[in-house]
Structure formats: structure tokens, C-alpha cells
C-alpha atoms as a PDB file:
ATOM      1  CA  MET A   1     193.057 117.706 -14.088  1.00  0.00           C
ATOM      2  CA  LEU A   2     193.848 120.315 -12.168  1.00  0.00           C
ATOM      3  CA  LEU A   3     196.944 121.460 -11.691  1.00  0.00           C
ATOM      4  CA  CYS A   4     197.775 123.715  -9.166  1.00  0.00           C
ATOM      5  CA  ALA A   5     200.789 124.659  -6.827  1.00  0.00           C
ATOM      6  CA  ARG A   6     200.307 123.874  -2.816  1.00  0.00           C
ATOM      7  CA  ILE A   7     202.234 124.548   0.147  1.00  0.00           C
ATOM      8  CA  LEU A   8     201.893 121.741   2.353  1.00  0.00           C
ATOM      9  CA  ASN A   9     203.112 121.642   6.032  1.00  0.00           C
ATOM     10  CA  LEU A  10     203.896 117.780   7.115  1.00  0.00           C
ATOM     11  CA  LYS A  11     204.687 116.639  10.702  1.00  0.00           C
ATOM     12  CA  PRO A  12     205.682 112.870  10.331  1.00  0.00           C
ATOM     13  CA  ILE A  13     206.962 110.677  13.059  1.00  0.00           C
ATOM     14  CA  GLY A  14     209.778 111.890  14.393  1.00  0.00           C
ATOM     15  CA  GLY A  15     209.577 116.105  15.254  1.00  0.00           C
ATOM     16  CA  THR A  16     210.951 117.085  11.517  1.00  0.00           C
ATOM     17  CA  HIS A  17     209.019 119.500   9.754  1.00  0.00           C
ATOM     18  CA  ILE A  18     208.456 119.097   5.650  1.00  0.00           C
ATOM     19  CA  ARG A  19     208.221 121.857   4.533  1.00  0.00           C
ATOM     20  CA  ALA A  20     206.254 121.302   0.649  1.00  0.00           C
ATOM     21  CA  VAL A  21     205.490 122.988  -2.625  1.00  0.00           C
ATOM     22  CA  PHE A  22     204.285 120.867  -5.394  1.00  0.00           C
ATOM     23  CA  PHE A  23     202.439 121.282  -8.056  1.00  0.00           C
ATOM     24  CA  VAL A  24     199.579 119.158  -7.330  1.00  0.00           C
ATOM     25  CA  THR A  25     197.631 116.938 -10.480  1.00  0.00           C
ATOM     26  CA  HIS A  26     194.351 116.023  -9.262  1.00  0.00           C
ATOM     27  CA  SER A  27     192.857 112.666 -10.249  1.00  0.00           C
ATOM     28  CA  GLN A  28     188.914 111.898 -10.136  1.00  0.00           C
ATOM     29  CA  LYS A  29     189.380 109.216 -12.280  1.00  0.00           C
ATOM     30  CA  THR A  30     191.738 107.733  -9.790  1.00  0.00           C
ATOM     31  CA  LYS A  31     191.414 109.248  -6.765  1.00  0.00           C
ATOM     32  CA  THR A  32     194.791 110.040  -6.064  1.00  0.00           C
ATOM     33  CA  VAL A  33     196.678 113.020  -5.328  1.00  0.00           C
ATOM     34  CA  SER A  34     199.841 113.400  -7.178  1.00  0.00           C
ATOM     35  CA  GLY A  35     203.168 116.149  -7.778  1.00  0.00           C
ATOM     36  CA  LEU A  36     206.633 117.194  -8.140  1.00  0.00           C
ATOM     37  CA  GLY A  37     208.015 119.667  -6.341  1.00  0.00           C
ATOM     38  CA  ASP A  38     210.840 120.553  -3.802  1.00  0.00           C
ATOM     39  CA  VAL A  39     210.999 119.814  -0.363  1.00  0.00           C
ATOM     40  CA  CYS A  40     212.821 120.409   3.065  1.00  0.00           C
ATOM     41  CA  PHE A  41     213.279 119.549   6.195  1.00  0.00           C
ATOM     42  CA  VAL A  42     212.678 121.981   8.936  1.00  0.00           C
ATOM     43  CA  LYS A  43     212.011 122.084  12.934  1.00  0.00           C
ATOM     44  CA  SER A  44     209.627 123.883  13.035  1.00  0.00           C
ATOM     45  CA  PRO A  45     207.133 125.035  10.633  1.00  0.00           C
ATOM     46  CA  GLU A  46     208.161 128.429  11.106  1.00  0.00           C
ATOM     47  CA  ASP A  47     211.430 127.496  10.408  1.00  0.00           C
ATOM     48  CA  ARG A  48     212.635 128.788   6.595  1.00  0.00           C
ATOM     49  CA  CYS A  49     214.452 126.122   3.991  1.00  0.00           C
ATOM     50  CA  GLU A  50     217.671 126.047   3.905  1.00  0.00           C
ATOM     51  CA  THR A  51     218.316 122.283   1.686  1.00  0.00           C
ATOM     52  CA  THR A  52     215.697 122.032  -0.530  1.00  0.00           C
ATOM     53  CA  ASN A  53     215.421 118.221  -1.881  1.00  0.00           C
ATOM     54  CA  ARG A  54     213.408 117.498  -5.135  1.00  0.00           C
ATOM     55  CA  GLY A  55     210.718 114.887  -4.170  1.00  0.00           C
ATOM     56  CA  HIS A  56     207.599 113.157  -5.494  1.00  0.00           C
ATOM     57  CA  LEU A  57     203.948 113.371  -3.745  1.00  0.00           C
ATOM     58  CA  THR A  58     201.250 111.023  -3.938  1.00  0.00           C
ATOM     59  CA  VAL A  59     197.732 111.081  -1.565  1.00  0.00           C
ATOM     60  CA  SER A  60     195.144 109.125  -2.022  1.00  0.00           C
END
């Protein structure tokens, strides 16, 4: 198990960027990355976070 903080700039369909800071746990056994952290929606990657939501991230 590896626990670390990651800053992710995600670009979903629709043009809204998601900036996320997650404490990520990486599992070698299941080959997945999951974490719980703060998520905010911004119009461009350079924007500051106005609102922050608690979110969960899972990546296979």
C-alpha cells in the first residue's frame, strides 16, 4: 500500500476542469488507485478553487 497526496487536473467532457487533491492509496494486488479528497470545479486549470467538495476517486 502506498499513501500519497496527488494533485490532479482532470478535463471532463463539457469544458469544465476538475482540480482534485487526493490522498491516494495504490493497491498492487487489484491494480487500482483510489482515494478520498477535495474536489473543486474550475473553468480553466489556472483558476483558483472557489468551492470545494469532498469526493472519492477510483482509477483502474
